Amino acid sequence: MVRFKSRYIVFQIFQENQLISGLFNTNTTFQRSSFPIKLTDELTTLTSHALLNLIKEHVYFNFGDWGQGLIAASLNIKYYSPATHTGIIRVSRQHYRLVWAVLTFIKTIQDQPVLIRVLRINGTIKKAEMFLIQRNKDLLIKEKLGKNI
């Protein structure tokens, strides 16, 4: 019997207009992996089930029946936080690049312009969770240091 091998894609959703205005704001310094940007109320109601359906629709739109057949059995959202707009997607090891491409192709969610950035690819869910925990700790420390100055 063959073991099912998968990859875990850690991603974050940014609202496009706020991200671009943050890049061109010269009064503040902006770093690539900086603070999570607050999304509008429509996107905070986004659930993991709705996000999974959106990804499946975009797989079908971009890759057709072939792409949908490749990822149908293995695609699963293991974690999604509406507060931080981060999540973890599980997909088979052979087809994780297809899902990665689809995430970059998604430009709107609920009629809001967004960018989905893949933060990391992991082989185990434990390492993906540890990465998100460490990343959130680092962001909290940066936020606290920024307010104390």
N, C-alpha and C. Protein backbone atom coordinates (compact mmCIF):
# COMPACT_ATOMS: atom_id res chain seq x y z
N MET A 1 0.83 -1.17 0.00
CA MET A 1 0.00 0.00 0.00
C MET A 1 0.89 1.25 0.00
N VAL A 2 0.50 2.23 -0.76
CA VAL A 2 1.29 3.44 -0.90
C VAL A 2 0.72 4.52 0.01
N ARG A 3 1.62 5.22 0.66
CA ARG A 3 1.21 6.30 1.55
C ARG A 3 0.87 7.55 0.75
N PHE A 4 -0.19 8.24 1.15
CA PHE A 4 -0.59 9.48 0.50
C PHE A 4 0.30 10.60 1.01
N LYS A 5 1.06 11.22 0.11
CA LYS A 5 1.95 12.30 0.49
C LYS A 5 1.34 13.63 0.06
N SER A 6 1.40 14.58 0.95
CA SER A 6 0.75 15.86 0.65
C SER A 6 1.66 17.02 1.01
N ARG A 7 1.27 18.18 0.54
CA ARG A 7 1.94 19.43 0.87
C ARG A 7 0.92 20.36 1.51
N TYR A 8 1.39 21.20 2.38
CA TYR A 8 0.55 22.17 3.07
C TYR A 8 0.98 23.56 2.64
N ILE A 9 0.05 24.30 2.04
CA ILE A 9 0.31 25.64 1.53
C ILE A 9 -0.19 26.64 2.56
N VAL A 10 0.72 27.45 3.08
CA VAL A 10 0.37 28.51 4.03
C VAL A 10 0.19 29.79 3.21
N PHE A 11 -0.96 30.44 3.35
CA PHE A 11 -1.25 31.62 2.54
C PHE A 11 -1.83 32.73 3.39
N GLN A 12 -1.82 33.95 2.81
CA GLN A 12 -2.45 35.10 3.45
C GLN A 12 -3.16 35.91 2.38
N ILE A 13 -4.33 36.46 2.74
CA ILE A 13 -5.13 37.27 1.84
C ILE A 13 -4.93 38.74 2.19
N PHE A 14 -4.58 39.54 1.18
CA PHE A 14 -4.44 40.98 1.33
C PHE A 14 -5.48 41.67 0.47
N GLN A 15 -5.98 42.79 0.93
CA GLN A 15 -6.85 43.61 0.08
C GLN A 15 -5.95 44.47 -0.79
N GLU A 16 -6.19 44.43 -2.10
CA GLU A 16 -5.26 44.99 -3.07
C GLU A 16 -5.05 46.50 -2.91
N ASN A 17 -6.12 47.26 -2.76
CA ASN A 17 -5.95 48.72 -2.70
C ASN A 17 -5.23 49.16 -1.43
N GLN A 18 -5.44 48.49 -0.31
CA GLN A 18 -4.73 48.84 0.91
C GLN A 18 -3.27 48.43 0.84
N LEU A 19 -2.99 47.31 0.19
CA LEU A 19 -1.62 46.86 0.05
C LEU A 19 -0.82 47.82 -0.82
N ILE A 20 -1.41 48.26 -1.92
CA ILE A 20 -0.71 49.17 -2.82
C ILE A 20 -0.52 50.53 -2.17
N SER A 21 -1.51 51.03 -1.44
CA SER A 21 -1.34 52.32 -0.77
C SER A 21 -0.28 52.22 0.32
N GLY A 22 -0.15 51.06 0.95
CA GLY A 22 0.90 50.86 1.94
C GLY A 22 2.28 50.83 1.32
N LEU A 23 2.38 50.33 0.09
CA LEU A 23 3.67 50.29 -0.59
C LEU A 23 4.15 51.68 -0.97
N PHE A 24 3.25 52.56 -1.36
CA PHE A 24 3.64 53.88 -1.85
C PHE A 24 3.56 54.97 -0.79
N ASN A 25 3.25 54.61 0.44
CA ASN A 25 3.21 55.59 1.51
C ASN A 25 4.65 55.83 1.99
N THR A 26 5.17 57.04 1.81
CA THR A 26 6.56 57.32 2.13
C THR A 26 6.76 57.69 3.59
N ASN A 27 5.69 57.96 4.32
CA ASN A 27 5.82 58.34 5.73
C ASN A 27 6.12 57.16 6.63
N THR A 28 5.71 55.97 6.23
CA THR A 28 5.95 54.78 7.05
C THR A 28 6.79 53.79 6.27
N THR A 29 7.53 53.00 6.99
CA THR A 29 8.31 51.96 6.34
C THR A 29 7.45 50.72 6.22
N PHE A 30 7.51 50.08 5.07
CA PHE A 30 6.69 48.90 4.80
C PHE A 30 7.62 47.75 4.47
N GLN A 31 7.42 46.62 5.13
CA GLN A 31 8.22 45.45 4.85
C GLN A 31 7.31 44.38 4.26
N ARG A 32 7.90 43.50 3.46
CA ARG A 32 7.11 42.50 2.73
C ARG A 32 6.27 41.63 3.65
N SER A 33 6.84 41.14 4.70
CA SER A 33 6.08 40.24 5.57
C SER A 33 5.50 40.99 6.76
N SER A 34 5.13 42.20 6.54
CA SER A 34 4.70 43.07 7.63
C SER A 34 3.29 42.73 8.08
N PHE A 35 2.69 43.66 8.78
CA PHE A 35 1.41 43.54 9.45
C PHE A 35 0.31 42.98 8.55
N PRO A 36 -0.64 42.24 9.12
CA PRO A 36 -1.80 41.85 8.33
C PRO A 36 -2.70 43.06 8.12
N ILE A 37 -3.14 43.25 6.91
CA ILE A 37 -3.96 44.41 6.57
C ILE A 37 -5.42 44.08 6.86
N LYS A 38 -6.11 44.99 7.49
CA LYS A 38 -7.52 44.78 7.84
C LYS A 38 -8.37 44.79 6.58
N LEU A 39 -9.13 43.73 6.41
CA LEU A 39 -10.01 43.62 5.26
C LEU A 39 -11.37 44.19 5.61
N THR A 40 -12.16 44.43 4.58
CA THR A 40 -13.49 44.98 4.80
C THR A 40 -14.40 43.94 5.44
N ASP A 41 -15.55 44.40 5.91
CA ASP A 41 -16.48 43.51 6.62
C ASP A 41 -16.98 42.37 5.73
N GLU A 42 -17.09 42.61 4.42
CA GLU A 42 -17.56 41.55 3.53
C GLU A 42 -16.58 40.38 3.52
N LEU A 43 -15.28 40.67 3.58
CA LEU A 43 -14.30 39.60 3.53
C LEU A 43 -14.06 38.95 4.89
N THR A 44 -14.41 39.61 5.96
CA THR A 44 -14.24 38.97 7.27
C THR A 44 -15.28 37.88 7.48
N THR A 45 -16.34 37.87 6.69
CA THR A 45 -17.34 36.81 6.80
C THR A 45 -16.99 35.62 5.92
N LEU A 46 -15.86 35.66 5.25
CA LEU A 46 -15.43 34.57 4.39
C LEU A 46 -15.14 33.33 5.24
N THR A 47 -15.74 32.21 4.88
CA THR A 47 -15.53 30.97 5.61
C THR A 47 -14.58 30.07 4.84
N SER A 48 -14.08 29.05 5.50
CA SER A 48 -13.17 28.12 4.83
C SER A 48 -13.90 27.34 3.74
N HIS A 49 -15.18 27.05 3.95
CA HIS A 49 -15.95 26.33 2.94
C HIS A 49 -16.14 27.19 1.68
N ALA A 50 -16.44 28.46 1.87
CA ALA A 50 -16.60 29.37 0.72
C ALA A 50 -15.28 29.55 -0.01
N LEU A 51 -14.18 29.61 0.73
CA LEU A 51 -12.86 29.74 0.11
C LEU A 51 -12.49 28.49 -0.67
N LEU A 52 -12.83 27.32 -0.13
CA LEU A 52 -12.58 26.06 -0.84
C LEU A 52 -13.36 26.02 -2.15
N ASN A 53 -14.63 26.41 -2.12
CA ASN A 53 -15.42 26.45 -3.34
C ASN A 53 -14.86 27.44 -4.35
N LEU A 54 -14.37 28.58 -3.88
CA LEU A 54 -13.76 29.57 -4.76
C LEU A 54 -12.51 29.02 -5.44
N ILE A 55 -11.69 28.31 -4.69
CA ILE A 55 -10.47 27.72 -5.26
C ILE A 55 -10.84 26.67 -6.30
N LYS A 56 -11.84 25.84 -5.99
CA LYS A 56 -12.26 24.82 -6.96
C LYS A 56 -12.81 25.45 -8.24
N GLU A 57 -13.56 26.55 -8.10
CA GLU A 57 -14.08 27.25 -9.29
C GLU A 57 -12.94 27.79 -10.15
N HIS A 58 -11.92 28.34 -9.51
CA HIS A 58 -10.80 28.89 -10.27
C HIS A 58 -9.94 27.79 -10.89
N VAL A 59 -9.84 26.65 -10.24
CA VAL A 59 -9.14 25.51 -10.85
C VAL A 59 -9.87 25.10 -12.11
N TYR A 60 -11.19 25.01 -12.05
CA TYR A 60 -11.96 24.64 -13.23
C TYR A 60 -11.85 25.70 -14.31
N PHE A 61 -11.90 26.97 -13.92
CA PHE A 61 -11.83 28.07 -14.89
C PHE A 61 -10.48 28.11 -15.59
N ASN A 62 -9.39 27.89 -14.87
CA ASN A 62 -8.05 28.01 -15.44
C ASN A 62 -7.52 26.71 -16.04
N PHE A 63 -7.89 25.56 -15.48
CA PHE A 63 -7.32 24.29 -15.93
C PHE A 63 -8.36 23.28 -16.40
N GLY A 64 -9.63 23.62 -16.32
CA GLY A 64 -10.69 22.77 -16.85
C GLY A 64 -10.91 21.50 -16.05
N ASP A 65 -11.51 20.52 -16.73
CA ASP A 65 -11.80 19.24 -16.09
C ASP A 65 -10.53 18.51 -15.67
N TRP A 66 -9.48 18.67 -16.46
CA TRP A 66 -8.21 18.02 -16.15
C TRP A 66 -7.68 18.48 -14.78
N GLY A 67 -7.62 19.78 -14.57
CA GLY A 67 -7.13 20.31 -13.30
C GLY A 67 -8.04 19.96 -12.14
N GLN A 68 -9.33 20.02 -12.38
CA GLN A 68 -10.27 19.71 -11.32
C GLN A 68 -10.16 18.24 -10.92
N GLY A 69 -9.94 17.38 -11.89
CA GLY A 69 -9.78 15.96 -11.59
C GLY A 69 -8.52 15.66 -10.81
N LEU A 70 -7.46 16.42 -11.08
CA LEU A 70 -6.20 16.19 -10.38
C LEU A 70 -6.29 16.50 -8.89
N ILE A 71 -6.98 17.57 -8.55
CA ILE A 71 -6.98 18.02 -7.15
C ILE A 71 -8.26 17.69 -6.40
N ALA A 72 -9.23 17.08 -7.07
CA ALA A 72 -10.55 16.87 -6.45
C ALA A 72 -10.48 16.08 -5.15
N ALA A 73 -9.70 15.03 -5.12
CA ALA A 73 -9.68 14.17 -3.94
C ALA A 73 -8.79 14.71 -2.83
N SER A 74 -7.80 15.51 -3.17
CA SER A 74 -6.81 15.88 -2.15
C SER A 74 -6.95 17.30 -1.62
N LEU A 75 -7.67 18.18 -2.29
CA LEU A 75 -7.76 19.58 -1.87
C LEU A 75 -8.62 19.70 -0.62
N ASN A 76 -8.06 20.36 0.40
CA ASN A 76 -8.78 20.53 1.66
C ASN A 76 -8.19 21.73 2.40
N ILE A 77 -9.04 22.55 2.97
CA ILE A 77 -8.56 23.66 3.79
C ILE A 77 -8.54 23.18 5.23
N LYS A 78 -7.35 23.11 5.79
CA LYS A 78 -7.18 22.62 7.15
C LYS A 78 -7.40 23.70 8.19
N TYR A 79 -7.08 24.94 7.82
CA TYR A 79 -7.19 26.04 8.78
C TYR A 79 -7.39 27.34 8.01
N TYR A 80 -8.34 28.16 8.47
CA TYR A 80 -8.48 29.51 7.95
C TYR A 80 -8.95 30.42 9.08
N SER A 81 -8.24 31.52 9.27
CA SER A 81 -8.59 32.48 10.31
C SER A 81 -9.07 33.77 9.67
N PRO A 82 -10.33 34.14 9.84
CA PRO A 82 -10.81 35.42 9.32
C PRO A 82 -10.17 36.62 10.02
N ALA A 83 -9.67 36.42 11.23
CA ALA A 83 -9.05 37.53 11.96
C ALA A 83 -7.70 37.93 11.37
N THR A 84 -6.88 36.94 11.05
CA THR A 84 -5.55 37.22 10.49
C THR A 84 -5.50 37.03 8.98
N HIS A 85 -6.55 36.49 8.40
CA HIS A 85 -6.64 36.24 6.96
C HIS A 85 -5.55 35.30 6.48
N THR A 86 -5.18 34.34 7.32
CA THR A 86 -4.20 33.34 6.95
C THR A 86 -4.87 31.98 6.97
N GLY A 87 -4.28 31.04 6.23
CA GLY A 87 -4.84 29.71 6.19
C GLY A 87 -3.84 28.68 5.74
N ILE A 88 -4.24 27.41 5.86
CA ILE A 88 -3.42 26.28 5.45
C ILE A 88 -4.28 25.40 4.55
N ILE A 89 -3.76 25.10 3.37
CA ILE A 89 -4.44 24.23 2.41
C ILE A 89 -3.63 22.95 2.26
N ARG A 90 -4.31 21.79 2.31
CA ARG A 90 -3.65 20.52 2.04
C ARG A 90 -3.97 20.08 0.62
N VAL A 91 -2.93 19.65 -0.10
CA VAL A 91 -3.11 19.16 -1.46
C VAL A 91 -2.05 18.09 -1.71
N SER A 92 -2.28 17.22 -2.67
CA SER A 92 -1.32 16.15 -2.94
C SER A 92 0.02 16.73 -3.40
N ARG A 93 1.07 16.00 -3.10
CA ARG A 93 2.43 16.49 -3.38
C ARG A 93 2.66 16.72 -4.88
N GLN A 94 2.05 15.92 -5.72
CA GLN A 94 2.26 16.05 -7.16
C GLN A 94 1.62 17.30 -7.73
N HIS A 95 0.59 17.83 -7.08
CA HIS A 95 -0.21 18.90 -7.69
C HIS A 95 -0.24 20.19 -6.88
N TYR A 96 0.69 20.37 -5.96
CA TYR A 96 0.64 21.59 -5.15
C TYR A 96 0.95 22.84 -5.97
N ARG A 97 1.74 22.70 -7.03
CA ARG A 97 2.06 23.86 -7.87
C ARG A 97 0.82 24.36 -8.62
N LEU A 98 -0.07 23.47 -8.96
CA LEU A 98 -1.31 23.86 -9.63
C LEU A 98 -2.17 24.71 -8.71
N VAL A 99 -2.30 24.32 -7.45
CA VAL A 99 -3.08 25.09 -6.49
C VAL A 99 -2.38 26.42 -6.19
N TRP A 100 -1.06 26.40 -6.13
CA TRP A 100 -0.30 27.63 -5.92
C TRP A 100 -0.57 28.62 -7.04
N ALA A 101 -0.58 28.11 -8.28
CA ALA A 101 -0.87 28.98 -9.43
C ALA A 101 -2.28 29.54 -9.34
N VAL A 102 -3.23 28.72 -8.96
CA VAL A 102 -4.62 29.17 -8.86
C VAL A 102 -4.77 30.25 -7.79
N LEU A 103 -4.07 30.10 -6.68
CA LEU A 103 -4.13 31.12 -5.62
C LEU A 103 -3.62 32.47 -6.14
N THR A 104 -2.61 32.45 -6.98
CA THR A 104 -2.11 33.72 -7.52
C THR A 104 -3.04 34.28 -8.59
N PHE A 105 -3.86 33.44 -9.20
CA PHE A 105 -4.80 33.90 -10.22
C PHE A 105 -6.06 34.54 -9.63
N ILE A 106 -6.36 34.25 -8.37
CA ILE A 106 -7.57 34.80 -7.74
C ILE A 106 -7.36 36.29 -7.50
N LYS A 107 -8.21 37.10 -8.10
CA LYS A 107 -8.07 38.56 -7.99
C LYS A 107 -9.22 39.21 -7.24
N THR A 108 -10.37 38.54 -7.15
CA THR A 108 -11.49 39.11 -6.41
C THR A 108 -12.14 38.02 -5.54
N ILE A 109 -12.54 38.45 -4.36
CA ILE A 109 -13.32 37.60 -3.47
C ILE A 109 -14.50 38.45 -3.03
N GLN A 110 -15.71 37.97 -3.31
CA GLN A 110 -16.94 38.69 -2.97
C GLN A 110 -16.90 40.13 -3.49
N ASP A 111 -16.51 40.28 -4.74
CA ASP A 111 -16.43 41.57 -5.44
C ASP A 111 -15.46 42.55 -4.80
N GLN A 112 -14.49 42.07 -4.06
CA GLN A 112 -13.44 42.91 -3.47
C GLN A 112 -12.11 42.52 -4.10
N PRO A 113 -11.31 43.49 -4.58
CA PRO A 113 -10.00 43.14 -5.16
C PRO A 113 -9.03 42.68 -4.08
N VAL A 114 -8.46 41.50 -4.26
CA VAL A 114 -7.55 40.93 -3.27
C VAL A 114 -6.31 40.37 -3.95
N LEU A 115 -5.28 40.15 -3.15
CA LEU A 115 -4.09 39.41 -3.55
C LEU A 115 -3.90 38.29 -2.54
N ILE A 116 -3.65 37.09 -3.04
CA ILE A 116 -3.38 35.97 -2.14
C ILE A 116 -1.90 35.64 -2.29
N ARG A 117 -1.20 35.70 -1.19
CA ARG A 117 0.24 35.48 -1.20
C ARG A 117 0.54 34.16 -0.50
N VAL A 118 1.28 33.29 -1.17
CA VAL A 118 1.71 32.04 -0.56
C VAL A 118 2.94 32.35 0.29
N LEU A 119 2.84 32.07 1.57
CA LEU A 119 3.92 32.38 2.49
C LEU A 119 4.93 31.26 2.60
N ARG A 120 4.45 30.01 2.51
CA ARG A 120 5.35 28.88 2.70
C ARG A 120 4.68 27.60 2.24
N ILE A 121 5.50 26.63 1.83
CA ILE A 121 5.05 25.28 1.49
C ILE A 121 5.72 24.33 2.48
N ASN A 122 4.93 23.47 3.13
CA ASN A 122 5.46 22.53 4.11
C ASN A 122 5.05 21.11 3.77
N GLY A 123 5.81 20.15 4.30
CA GLY A 123 5.50 18.75 4.11
C GLY A 123 4.61 18.19 5.19
N THR A 124 4.57 18.86 6.35
CA THR A 124 3.72 18.39 7.45
C THR A 124 2.88 19.55 7.97
N ILE A 125 1.72 19.22 8.50
CA ILE A 125 0.85 20.26 9.04
C ILE A 125 1.43 20.85 10.32
N LYS A 126 2.19 20.06 11.05
CA LYS A 126 2.80 20.55 12.28
C LYS A 126 3.75 21.70 11.98
N LYS A 127 4.59 21.55 10.97
CA LYS A 127 5.53 22.62 10.61
C LYS A 127 4.79 23.85 10.08
N ALA A 128 3.70 23.64 9.36
CA ALA A 128 2.92 24.77 8.86
C ALA A 128 2.29 25.54 10.02
N GLU A 129 1.75 24.82 10.99
CA GLU A 129 1.17 25.47 12.17
C GLU A 129 2.23 26.20 12.98
N MET A 130 3.41 25.58 13.14
CA MET A 130 4.49 26.22 13.88
C MET A 130 4.95 27.50 13.17
N PHE A 131 4.99 27.47 11.85
CA PHE A 131 5.36 28.67 11.09
C PHE A 131 4.36 29.79 11.34
N LEU A 132 3.06 29.49 11.28
CA LEU A 132 2.04 30.52 11.51
C LEU A 132 2.10 31.07 12.93
N ILE A 133 2.32 30.21 13.90
CA ILE A 133 2.41 30.67 15.29
C ILE A 133 3.61 31.59 15.46
N GLN A 134 4.77 31.20 14.93
CA GLN A 134 5.96 32.03 15.05
C GLN A 134 5.79 33.35 14.30
N ARG A 135 5.16 33.29 13.15
CA ARG A 135 4.94 34.51 12.36
C ARG A 135 4.02 35.48 13.11
N ASN A 136 2.95 34.96 13.71
CA ASN A 136 2.04 35.82 14.47
C ASN A 136 2.73 36.40 15.71
N LYS A 137 3.59 35.61 16.36
CA LYS A 137 4.35 36.14 17.50
C LYS A 137 5.26 37.28 17.05
N ASP A 138 5.95 37.08 15.93
CA ASP A 138 6.85 38.12 15.42
C ASP A 138 6.09 39.39 15.07
N LEU A 139 4.91 39.23 14.47
CA LEU A 139 4.11 40.41 14.13
C LEU A 139 3.63 41.15 15.37
N LEU A 140 3.27 40.41 16.42
CA LEU A 140 2.85 41.05 17.67
C LEU A 140 4.01 41.80 18.32
N ILE A 141 5.19 41.21 18.29
CA ILE A 141 6.37 41.88 18.86
C ILE A 141 6.68 43.15 18.09
N LYS A 142 6.63 43.08 16.76
CA LYS A 142 6.88 44.28 15.94
C LYS A 142 5.85 45.36 16.21
N GLU A 143 4.61 44.96 16.38
CA GLU A 143 3.54 45.92 16.65
C GLU A 143 3.73 46.58 18.01
N LYS A 144 4.10 45.78 19.02
CA LYS A 144 4.33 46.34 20.35
C LYS A 144 5.54 47.28 20.36
N LEU A 145 6.60 46.90 19.67
CA LEU A 145 7.78 47.76 19.60
C LEU A 145 7.49 49.06 18.86
N GLY A 146 6.66 48.98 17.85
CA GLY A 146 6.30 50.18 17.08
C GLY A 146 5.48 51.16 17.90
N LYS A 147 4.64 50.66 18.80
CA LYS A 147 3.81 51.55 19.62
C LYS A 147 4.58 52.14 20.79
N ASN A 148 5.64 51.46 21.25
CA ASN A 148 6.42 51.95 22.38
C ASN A 148 7.39 53.06 21.98
N ILE A 149 7.68 53.18 20.73
CA ILE A 149 8.66 54.19 20.28
C ILE A 149 8.06 55.56 20.25
